[in-house]
Structure formats: C-alpha cells, structure tokens
C-alpha cells in the first residue's frame, strides 16, 4: 500500500511540475514583421562636390582611365606624380578637352607651348587643366563639370598623350 501511495504521489508530483512548467512558460512571440518604407526617394541626391584623385608615374601611365561625375558638379581634382623623375624629363599634367577636340591635333599644338606647361595659348579646346608636376609633386584644380557627355582627358607633355589618356563621363 505504501508503494501505491508513493507511486501516486510521484505521478501527481510529476504531473504538477509539468502543469506548472506549461503554465509559466512564456507564449511564443509572433515572427518579426518586416516594414518597408515607401517614403524613401528613388534617386540619391547628388553631391555638390566630387573629389577625384589621379596619379601618373614614370612609365607614362595614369592610374585610372575613367572618371564619372554629374553635370554641374564642382570637381576637385588632385594630380599626383608618383614617380621620381623631374618635371623636365617626365612631367605630367591633366588636360580635360572640350567635345569634338581631336586629341592628336591638340597634342601637336601643345608641343609648341613649353613655356605654358604644354597648354596652347588658344584654350578654346580646354575645359580644365593642371600645371605640370614632376616626381613626388602634386597639384589640385577645381572646376565645374560640363554638360552631359563623354570627354577626353590627356597628359599634354610631349609624347605622353598616346598612353596617358582617359574618358571623363558626365551624367
């Protein structure tokens, strides 16, 4: 008889703990709801200023061949000569040419303009340009991005334009 009571007691005790445990456990939380904000504008506002860093080396190479900006942006362009050769032997500049400018014709004119860092006196084909820099030097210019389109940029130091060139894309 003692065994039955003990057995009954154990059953009731086990049942009571199960009942207490099931009563005190927290209810399951519903899955998190994902909220999508539809008030966000579809386009990202344009930056007023675009900073561009470009470098040239002693192997007559720019480190980038394309620059992307937005129409009307203020462009702050820094040209750094990462080589060691002096400006007279391996000078570099950045020249952004106007649409429709034939690069080779411009370069021929630039050859005659050593006194002005190889920038011709007639700058009607030039949107912006830096001065010539030698190894270890840098220079910065600021200008407004022109109207939408694709423009050429070059180094106008004699013989460099065939290798040191790229596209300036305005959207």
N, C-alpha and C. Protein backbone atom coordinates (compact mmCIF):
# COMPACT_ATOMS: atom_id res chain seq x y z
N UNK A 1 0.81 -1.17 0.00
CA UNK A 1 0.00 0.00 0.00
C UNK A 1 0.86 1.24 0.00
N UNK A 2 1.93 1.20 0.72
CA UNK A 2 2.83 2.34 0.76
C UNK A 2 3.39 2.59 -0.63
N UNK A 3 3.62 1.50 -1.36
CA UNK A 3 4.16 1.65 -2.71
C UNK A 3 3.17 2.34 -3.62
N UNK A 4 1.91 2.06 -3.52
CA UNK A 4 0.89 2.68 -4.36
C UNK A 4 0.80 4.15 -4.03
N UNK A 5 0.81 4.47 -2.73
CA UNK A 5 0.75 5.88 -2.35
C UNK A 5 1.98 6.63 -2.86
N UNK A 6 3.12 5.98 -2.71
CA UNK A 6 4.35 6.61 -3.18
C UNK A 6 4.29 6.80 -4.70
N UNK A 7 3.81 5.81 -5.40
CA UNK A 7 3.68 5.87 -6.85
C UNK A 7 2.71 6.97 -7.24
N UNK A 8 1.57 7.04 -6.55
CA UNK A 8 0.57 8.07 -6.82
C UNK A 8 1.15 9.44 -6.54
N UNK A 9 1.87 9.52 -5.47
CA UNK A 9 2.47 10.79 -5.10
C UNK A 9 3.46 11.23 -6.18
N UNK A 10 4.28 10.31 -6.63
CA UNK A 10 5.25 10.62 -7.68
C UNK A 10 4.55 11.04 -8.96
N UNK A 11 3.49 10.40 -9.33
CA UNK A 11 2.72 10.77 -10.53
C UNK A 11 2.15 12.16 -10.39
N UNK A 12 1.55 12.42 -9.23
CA UNK A 12 0.97 13.74 -9.02
C UNK A 12 2.07 14.80 -9.00
N UNK A 13 3.19 14.46 -8.41
CA UNK A 13 4.28 15.41 -8.34
C UNK A 13 4.78 15.71 -9.75
N UNK A 14 5.01 14.69 -10.56
CA UNK A 14 5.48 14.86 -11.92
C UNK A 14 4.45 15.61 -12.74
N UNK A 15 3.19 15.27 -12.62
CA UNK A 15 2.11 15.94 -13.35
C UNK A 15 2.02 17.40 -12.93
N UNK A 16 2.18 17.68 -11.68
CA UNK A 16 2.12 19.05 -11.15
C UNK A 16 3.26 19.89 -11.69
N UNK A 17 4.46 19.33 -11.78
CA UNK A 17 5.59 20.08 -12.31
C UNK A 17 5.37 20.36 -13.78
N UNK A 18 4.88 19.40 -14.53
CA UNK A 18 4.59 19.59 -15.94
C UNK A 18 3.54 20.67 -16.11
N UNK A 19 2.51 20.63 -15.27
CA UNK A 19 1.43 21.62 -15.36
C UNK A 19 1.96 23.00 -14.99
N UNK A 20 2.78 23.07 -13.96
CA UNK A 20 3.33 24.36 -13.55
C UNK A 20 4.25 24.89 -14.64
N UNK A 21 5.09 24.04 -15.19
CA UNK A 21 6.01 24.45 -16.24
C UNK A 21 5.25 24.96 -17.45
N UNK A 22 4.22 24.24 -17.87
CA UNK A 22 3.47 24.66 -19.05
C UNK A 22 2.69 25.93 -18.79
N UNK A 23 2.30 26.19 -17.56
CA UNK A 23 1.55 27.40 -17.24
C UNK A 23 2.46 28.61 -17.15
N UNK A 24 3.71 28.39 -16.72
CA UNK A 24 4.58 29.54 -16.50
C UNK A 24 5.44 29.86 -17.73
N UNK A 25 5.48 29.02 -18.72
CA UNK A 25 6.33 29.34 -19.88
C UNK A 25 5.69 30.48 -20.67
N UNK A 26 6.57 31.31 -21.25
CA UNK A 26 6.07 32.47 -22.00
C UNK A 26 5.48 32.02 -23.32
N UNK A 27 4.43 32.70 -23.74
CA UNK A 27 3.86 32.34 -25.03
C UNK A 27 4.84 32.70 -26.15
N UNK A 28 4.75 31.98 -27.23
CA UNK A 28 5.65 32.24 -28.36
C UNK A 28 5.32 33.60 -28.95
N UNK A 29 6.40 34.33 -29.30
CA UNK A 29 6.21 35.63 -29.90
C UNK A 29 6.01 35.45 -31.41
N UNK A 30 5.15 36.27 -31.98
CA UNK A 30 4.97 36.15 -33.43
C UNK A 30 6.26 36.57 -34.14
N UNK A 31 6.47 36.07 -35.35
CA UNK A 31 7.65 36.42 -36.13
C UNK A 31 7.69 37.92 -36.36
N UNK A 32 8.91 38.46 -36.40
CA UNK A 32 9.04 39.90 -36.62
C UNK A 32 8.47 40.29 -37.97
N UNK A 33 7.81 41.40 -37.96
CA UNK A 33 7.19 41.89 -39.18
C UNK A 33 8.19 42.79 -39.90
N UNK A 34 8.37 42.59 -41.20
CA UNK A 34 9.25 43.43 -41.98
C UNK A 34 8.47 44.62 -42.48
N UNK A 35 9.00 45.81 -42.20
CA UNK A 35 8.35 47.02 -42.64
C UNK A 35 9.17 47.64 -43.75
N UNK A 36 8.57 47.93 -44.87
CA UNK A 36 9.25 48.56 -45.99
C UNK A 36 8.81 50.01 -46.04
N UNK A 37 9.79 50.90 -45.97
CA UNK A 37 9.49 52.33 -46.01
C UNK A 37 9.36 52.75 -47.47
N UNK A 38 8.18 53.12 -47.85
CA UNK A 38 7.95 53.53 -49.24
C UNK A 38 8.10 55.02 -49.44
N UNK A 39 8.46 55.74 -48.37
CA UNK A 39 8.63 57.19 -48.47
C UNK A 39 10.04 57.60 -48.88
N UNK A 40 10.95 56.64 -49.10
CA UNK A 40 12.32 56.96 -49.47
C UNK A 40 12.36 57.37 -50.94
N UNK A 41 13.03 58.47 -51.26
CA UNK A 41 13.09 58.88 -52.67
C UNK A 41 13.84 57.85 -53.51
N UNK A 42 13.45 57.75 -54.77
CA UNK A 42 14.05 56.75 -55.65
C UNK A 42 15.46 57.13 -56.06
N UNK A 43 15.79 58.40 -56.10
CA UNK A 43 17.12 58.81 -56.50
C UNK A 43 17.88 59.36 -55.31
N UNK A 44 19.17 59.11 -55.32
CA UNK A 44 20.02 59.61 -54.27
C UNK A 44 20.38 61.06 -54.63
N UNK A 45 20.29 61.98 -53.69
CA UNK A 45 20.62 63.36 -54.02
C UNK A 45 22.08 63.47 -54.45
N UNK A 46 22.34 64.29 -55.45
CA UNK A 46 23.71 64.41 -55.94
C UNK A 46 24.56 65.22 -54.97
N UNK A 47 25.81 64.86 -54.91
CA UNK A 47 26.76 65.61 -54.11
C UNK A 47 27.11 66.88 -54.87
N UNK A 48 27.31 67.96 -54.16
CA UNK A 48 27.68 69.21 -54.82
C UNK A 48 29.13 69.17 -55.30
N UNK A 49 29.97 68.42 -54.59
CA UNK A 49 31.39 68.37 -54.91
C UNK A 49 31.84 66.92 -55.09
N UNK A 50 32.62 66.70 -56.15
CA UNK A 50 33.21 65.39 -56.40
C UNK A 50 34.72 65.53 -56.31
N UNK A 51 35.33 64.77 -55.40
CA UNK A 51 36.79 64.77 -55.26
C UNK A 51 37.35 63.63 -56.09
N UNK A 52 38.32 63.96 -56.93
CA UNK A 52 38.94 62.98 -57.81
C UNK A 52 40.44 63.00 -57.57
N UNK A 53 41.02 61.83 -57.38
CA UNK A 53 42.46 61.70 -57.24
C UNK A 53 42.97 60.86 -58.40
N UNK A 54 43.95 61.38 -59.10
CA UNK A 54 44.54 60.67 -60.23
C UNK A 54 46.05 60.80 -60.12
N UNK A 55 46.76 59.76 -60.47
CA UNK A 55 48.21 59.85 -60.39
C UNK A 55 48.84 59.34 -61.69
N UNK A 56 50.02 59.85 -61.95
CA UNK A 56 50.82 59.42 -63.10
C UNK A 56 52.17 58.95 -62.60
N UNK A 57 52.80 58.06 -63.36
CA UNK A 57 54.08 57.50 -62.90
C UNK A 57 55.17 57.69 -63.95
N UNK A 58 56.36 57.18 -63.68
CA UNK A 58 57.49 57.31 -64.60
C UNK A 58 57.36 56.41 -65.83
N UNK A 59 56.36 55.56 -65.88
CA UNK A 59 56.12 54.71 -67.04
C UNK A 59 55.06 55.32 -67.97
N UNK A 60 54.77 56.60 -67.79
CA UNK A 60 53.78 57.33 -68.59
C UNK A 60 52.40 56.66 -68.51
N UNK A 61 51.93 56.47 -67.30
CA UNK A 61 50.61 55.86 -67.09
C UNK A 61 49.85 56.61 -66.02
N UNK A 62 48.56 56.86 -66.29
CA UNK A 62 47.66 57.31 -65.23
C UNK A 62 47.20 56.05 -64.50
N UNK A 63 46.79 56.19 -63.26
CA UNK A 63 46.29 55.04 -62.52
C UNK A 63 44.82 54.77 -62.78
N UNK A 64 44.11 55.70 -63.41
CA UNK A 64 42.71 55.49 -63.78
C UNK A 64 42.50 55.92 -65.23
N UNK A 65 41.54 55.30 -65.88
CA UNK A 65 41.27 55.64 -67.27
C UNK A 65 39.86 56.20 -67.47
N UNK A 66 39.06 56.24 -66.41
CA UNK A 66 37.72 56.80 -66.49
C UNK A 66 37.40 57.55 -65.21
N UNK A 67 36.72 58.67 -65.40
CA UNK A 67 36.25 59.48 -64.28
C UNK A 67 34.78 59.75 -64.51
N UNK A 68 33.94 59.47 -63.53
CA UNK A 68 32.49 59.67 -63.63
C UNK A 68 32.05 60.78 -62.69
N UNK A 69 31.35 61.77 -63.24
CA UNK A 69 30.83 62.88 -62.44
C UNK A 69 29.42 63.21 -62.93
N UNK A 70 28.78 64.14 -62.23
CA UNK A 70 27.45 64.59 -62.62
C UNK A 70 27.53 66.00 -63.19
N UNK A 71 26.67 66.26 -64.13
CA UNK A 71 26.62 67.57 -64.77
C UNK A 71 26.50 68.68 -63.72
N UNK A 72 27.35 69.69 -63.85
CA UNK A 72 27.28 70.83 -62.95
C UNK A 72 27.99 70.66 -61.62
N UNK A 73 28.46 69.47 -61.32
CA UNK A 73 29.17 69.26 -60.05
C UNK A 73 30.46 70.06 -60.02
N UNK A 74 30.84 70.46 -58.83
CA UNK A 74 32.16 71.05 -58.64
C UNK A 74 33.13 69.89 -58.51
N UNK A 75 34.12 69.85 -59.38
CA UNK A 75 35.11 68.78 -59.37
C UNK A 75 36.40 69.33 -58.75
N UNK A 76 36.88 68.66 -57.72
CA UNK A 76 38.16 68.99 -57.11
C UNK A 76 39.09 67.84 -57.47
N UNK A 77 39.99 68.10 -58.43
CA UNK A 77 40.86 67.06 -58.97
C UNK A 77 42.28 67.28 -58.49
N UNK A 78 42.86 66.23 -57.92
CA UNK A 78 44.25 66.26 -57.47
C UNK A 78 45.05 65.29 -58.31
N UNK A 79 46.08 65.82 -58.97
CA UNK A 79 47.00 65.02 -59.76
C UNK A 79 48.29 64.86 -58.95
N UNK A 80 48.72 63.61 -58.79
CA UNK A 80 49.96 63.31 -58.07
C UNK A 80 50.89 62.54 -59.00
N UNK A 81 52.13 62.98 -59.05
CA UNK A 81 53.16 62.27 -59.83
C UNK A 81 53.86 61.33 -58.86
N UNK A 82 53.63 60.03 -59.02
CA UNK A 82 54.17 59.04 -58.07
C UNK A 82 55.58 58.59 -58.42
N UNK A 83 56.11 59.06 -59.55
CA UNK A 83 57.46 58.68 -59.95
C UNK A 83 58.52 59.52 -59.27
N UNK A 84 59.76 59.39 -59.77
CA UNK A 84 60.90 60.10 -59.19
C UNK A 84 61.54 61.06 -60.19
N UNK A 85 61.20 60.95 -61.46
CA UNK A 85 61.85 61.76 -62.49
C UNK A 85 61.39 63.22 -62.41
N UNK A 86 62.31 64.15 -62.74
CA UNK A 86 61.97 65.58 -62.65
C UNK A 86 60.99 66.01 -63.73
N UNK A 87 60.38 67.15 -63.52
CA UNK A 87 59.35 67.68 -64.42
C UNK A 87 59.87 67.87 -65.84
N UNK A 88 61.15 68.26 -66.02
CA UNK A 88 61.69 68.48 -67.36
C UNK A 88 61.81 67.19 -68.15
N UNK A 89 62.01 66.09 -67.48
CA UNK A 89 62.20 64.81 -68.16
C UNK A 89 60.91 63.99 -68.26
N UNK A 90 60.06 64.07 -67.23
CA UNK A 90 58.85 63.23 -67.19
C UNK A 90 57.73 63.97 -66.48
N UNK A 91 57.45 65.19 -66.94
CA UNK A 91 56.37 65.96 -66.33
C UNK A 91 55.01 65.41 -66.73
N UNK A 92 54.05 65.59 -65.84
CA UNK A 92 52.67 65.16 -66.11
C UNK A 92 51.71 66.30 -65.78
N UNK A 93 50.64 66.35 -66.56
CA UNK A 93 49.53 67.24 -66.25
C UNK A 93 48.23 66.52 -66.57
N UNK A 94 47.14 67.17 -66.28
CA UNK A 94 45.80 66.66 -66.60
C UNK A 94 45.14 67.74 -67.43
N UNK A 95 44.70 67.37 -68.62
CA UNK A 95 44.01 68.32 -69.50
C UNK A 95 42.68 67.70 -69.91
N UNK A 96 41.59 68.38 -69.56
CA UNK A 96 40.25 67.93 -69.96
C UNK A 96 39.88 68.70 -71.22
N UNK A 97 39.66 67.97 -72.30
CA UNK A 97 39.39 68.58 -73.60
C UNK A 97 37.90 68.74 -73.86
N UNK A 98 37.56 69.77 -74.59
CA UNK A 98 36.17 70.02 -74.98
C UNK A 98 35.72 68.96 -75.98
N UNK A 99 34.41 68.76 -76.04
CA UNK A 99 33.83 67.81 -77.01
C UNK A 99 34.26 68.19 -78.41
N UNK A 100 34.52 67.18 -79.21
CA UNK A 100 34.86 67.41 -80.61
C UNK A 100 36.31 67.74 -80.85
N UNK A 101 37.12 67.81 -79.81
CA UNK A 101 38.55 68.11 -79.97
C UNK A 101 39.27 66.84 -80.42
N UNK A 102 40.03 66.96 -81.50
CA UNK A 102 40.84 65.84 -81.95
C UNK A 102 42.12 65.81 -81.11
N UNK A 103 42.29 64.74 -80.39
CA UNK A 103 43.37 64.65 -79.41
C UNK A 103 44.74 64.84 -80.08
N UNK A 104 44.99 64.20 -81.20
CA UNK A 104 46.30 64.29 -81.85
C UNK A 104 46.58 65.71 -82.34
N UNK A 105 45.58 66.41 -82.85
CA UNK A 105 45.74 67.79 -83.30
C UNK A 105 46.05 68.70 -82.10
N UNK A 106 45.33 68.49 -81.01
CA UNK A 106 45.59 69.28 -79.80
C UNK A 106 47.02 69.02 -79.31
N UNK A 107 47.45 67.76 -79.30
CA UNK A 107 48.78 67.40 -78.82
C UNK A 107 49.87 68.05 -79.68
N UNK A 108 49.66 68.16 -80.97
CA UNK A 108 50.62 68.83 -81.85
C UNK A 108 50.77 70.30 -81.48
N UNK A 109 49.65 70.95 -81.18
CA UNK A 109 49.68 72.34 -80.74
C UNK A 109 50.35 72.47 -79.37
N UNK A 110 50.11 71.52 -78.51
CA UNK A 110 50.68 71.54 -77.17
C UNK A 110 52.20 71.43 -77.20
N UNK A 111 52.75 70.71 -78.19
CA UNK A 111 54.20 70.58 -78.33
C UNK A 111 54.90 71.93 -78.41
N UNK A 112 54.21 72.91 -78.97
CA UNK A 112 54.78 74.24 -79.20
C UNK A 112 54.65 75.15 -77.97
N UNK A 113 54.07 74.65 -76.90
CA UNK A 113 53.74 75.50 -75.76
C UNK A 113 54.51 75.12 -74.49
N UNK A 114 55.81 74.90 -74.62
CA UNK A 114 56.62 74.51 -73.45
C UNK A 114 56.55 75.58 -72.34
N UNK A 115 56.55 76.83 -72.71
CA UNK A 115 56.55 77.92 -71.72
C UNK A 115 55.29 77.95 -70.87
N UNK A 116 54.20 77.37 -71.38
CA UNK A 116 52.93 77.37 -70.64
C UNK A 116 52.51 75.95 -70.26
N UNK A 117 53.49 75.14 -69.86
CA UNK A 117 53.24 73.76 -69.42
C UNK A 117 52.54 72.92 -70.48
N UNK A 118 52.87 73.18 -71.73
CA UNK A 118 52.31 72.44 -72.87
C UNK A 118 50.81 72.59 -73.00
N UNK A 119 50.33 73.76 -72.64
CA UNK A 119 48.93 74.14 -72.85
C UNK A 119 48.95 75.27 -73.88
N UNK A 120 48.36 75.07 -75.07
CA UNK A 120 48.38 76.11 -76.10
C UNK A 120 47.74 77.42 -75.61
N UNK A 121 48.19 78.53 -76.19
CA UNK A 121 47.61 79.83 -75.84
C UNK A 121 46.11 79.85 -76.09
N UNK A 122 45.71 79.31 -77.24
CA UNK A 122 44.28 79.22 -77.56
C UNK A 122 43.71 78.05 -76.75
N UNK A 123 43.01 78.38 -75.69
CA UNK A 123 42.47 77.34 -74.81
C UNK A 123 40.99 77.06 -75.09
N UNK A 124 40.54 77.34 -76.28
CA UNK A 124 39.13 77.11 -76.60
C UNK A 124 38.76 75.62 -76.57
N UNK A 125 39.76 74.75 -76.67
CA UNK A 125 39.51 73.30 -76.62
C UNK A 125 39.77 72.71 -75.24
N UNK A 126 40.04 73.57 -74.27
CA UNK A 126 40.38 73.11 -72.92
C UNK A 126 39.29 73.50 -71.93
N UNK A 127 38.75 72.52 -71.23
CA UNK A 127 37.77 72.79 -70.18
C UNK A 127 38.48 73.09 -68.87
N UNK A 128 39.50 72.30 -68.56
CA UNK A 128 40.27 72.48 -67.33
C UNK A 128 41.63 71.82 -67.51
N UNK A 129 42.63 72.32 -66.77
CA UNK A 129 43.95 71.70 -66.81
C UNK A 129 44.72 72.03 -65.54
N UNK A 130 45.67 71.16 -65.25
CA UNK A 130 46.58 71.39 -64.13
C UNK A 130 47.90 71.93 -64.68
N UNK A 131 48.77 72.32 -63.78
CA UNK A 131 50.14 72.65 -64.17
C UNK A 131 50.91 71.34 -64.31
N UNK A 132 52.10 71.39 -64.86
CA UNK A 132 52.96 70.22 -64.94
C UNK A 132 53.57 69.93 -63.57
N UNK A 133 53.65 68.66 -63.22
CA UNK A 133 54.30 68.27 -61.97
C UNK A 133 55.34 67.19 -62.25
N UNK A 134 56.41 67.20 -61.46
CA UNK A 134 57.45 66.19 -61.55
C UNK A 134 57.30 65.16 -60.45
N UNK A 135 58.22 64.21 -60.42
CA UNK A 135 58.18 63.14 -59.43
C UNK A 135 58.02 63.63 -58.00
N UNK A 136 57.07 63.06 -57.28
CA UNK A 136 56.82 63.40 -55.89
C UNK A 136 55.97 64.64 -55.68
N UNK A 137 55.58 65.31 -56.75
CA UNK A 137 54.78 66.54 -56.63
C UNK A 137 53.30 66.25 -56.91
N UNK A 138 52.46 67.19 -56.46
CA UNK A 138 51.03 67.10 -56.77
C UNK A 138 50.47 68.50 -56.94
N UNK A 139 49.31 68.57 -57.57
CA UNK A 139 48.62 69.83 -57.79
C UNK A 139 47.13 69.57 -57.78
N UNK A 140 46.36 70.58 -57.40
CA UNK A 140 44.91 70.44 -57.32
C UNK A 140 44.25 71.58 -58.08
N UNK A 141 43.19 71.22 -58.82
CA UNK A 141 42.38 72.23 -59.51
C UNK A 141 40.92 72.01 -59.15
N UNK A 142 40.12 73.06 -59.31
CA UNK A 142 38.68 72.99 -59.07
C UNK A 142 37.98 73.56 -60.29
N UNK A 143 36.96 72.84 -60.78
CA UNK A 143 36.21 73.31 -61.94
C UNK A 143 34.81 72.72 -61.93
N UNK A 144 33.93 73.29 -62.73
CA UNK A 144 32.55 72.79 -62.86
C UNK A 144 32.51 71.72 -63.94
N UNK A 145 31.84 70.61 -63.67
CA UNK A 145 31.67 69.57 -64.68
C UNK A 145 30.83 70.13 -65.82
N UNK A 146 31.23 69.86 -67.05
CA UNK A 146 30.47 70.37 -68.20
C UNK A 146 29.15 69.63 -68.38
N UNK A 147 28.47 69.93 -69.48
CA UNK A 147 27.19 69.28 -69.78
C UNK A 147 27.40 67.79 -70.01
N UNK A 148 26.30 67.05 -69.95
CA UNK A 148 26.35 65.59 -70.09
C UNK A 148 27.07 65.20 -71.38
N UNK A 149 27.83 64.12 -71.27
CA UNK A 149 28.56 63.61 -72.42
C UNK A 149 29.85 62.95 -71.98
N UNK A 150 30.62 62.52 -72.96
CA UNK A 150 31.91 61.89 -72.70
C UNK A 150 33.00 62.77 -73.30
N UNK A 151 34.00 63.05 -72.49
CA UNK A 151 35.10 63.94 -72.87
C UNK A 151 36.41 63.18 -72.73
N UNK A 152 37.43 63.63 -73.47
CA UNK A 152 38.76 63.05 -73.36
C UNK A 152 39.59 63.84 -72.36
N UNK A 153 40.43 63.12 -71.61
CA UNK A 153 41.46 63.80 -70.83
C UNK A 153 42.80 63.17 -71.18
N UNK A 154 43.84 64.00 -71.15
CA UNK A 154 45.17 63.56 -71.55
C UNK A 154 46.24 64.24 -70.69
N UNK A 155 47.46 63.77 -70.83
CA UNK A 155 48.64 64.48 -70.37
C UNK A 155 49.24 65.07 -71.64
N UNK A 156 49.46 66.39 -71.65
CA UNK A 156 49.92 67.05 -72.87
C UNK A 156 51.44 67.19 -72.95
N UNK A 157 52.18 66.61 -72.00
CA UNK A 157 53.64 66.59 -72.10
C UNK A 157 54.00 65.85 -73.39
N UNK A 158 55.02 66.32 -74.13
CA UNK A 158 55.34 65.70 -75.43
C UNK A 158 55.43 64.18 -75.39
N UNK A 159 54.64 63.55 -76.25
CA UNK A 159 54.65 62.11 -76.41
C UNK A 159 53.80 61.33 -75.41
N UNK A 160 53.26 61.97 -74.42
CA UNK A 160 52.52 61.25 -73.38
C UNK A 160 51.07 60.95 -73.75
N UNK A 161 50.46 61.78 -74.57
CA UNK A 161 49.01 61.66 -74.80
C UNK A 161 48.59 60.32 -75.36
N UNK A 162 49.49 59.61 -76.05
CA UNK A 162 49.09 58.32 -76.64
C UNK A 162 48.90 57.25 -75.57
N UNK A 163 49.55 57.42 -74.42
CA UNK A 163 49.41 56.43 -73.35
C UNK A 163 48.64 57.00 -72.15
N UNK A 164 48.82 58.27 -71.88
CA UNK A 164 48.20 58.89 -70.71
C UNK A 164 46.93 59.59 -71.16
N UNK A 165 45.86 58.81 -71.20
CA UNK A 165 44.57 59.33 -71.67
C UNK A 165 43.45 58.58 -70.98
N UNK A 166 42.26 59.17 -71.06
CA UNK A 166 41.11 58.52 -70.47
C UNK A 166 39.82 59.24 -70.85
N UNK A 167 38.74 58.74 -70.28
CA UNK A 167 37.40 59.30 -70.56
C UNK A 167 36.86 59.94 -69.29
N UNK A 168 36.27 61.12 -69.48
CA UNK A 168 35.63 61.87 -68.41
C UNK A 168 34.15 61.84 -68.73
N UNK A 169 33.41 61.03 -67.98
CA UNK A 169 32.00 60.78 -68.25
C UNK A 169 31.13 61.66 -67.37
N UNK A 170 30.26 62.45 -68.01
CA UNK A 170 29.37 63.34 -67.27
C UNK A 170 27.94 62.86 -67.47
N UNK A 171 27.25 62.59 -66.38
CA UNK A 171 25.86 62.11 -66.45
C UNK A 171 24.92 63.17 -65.94
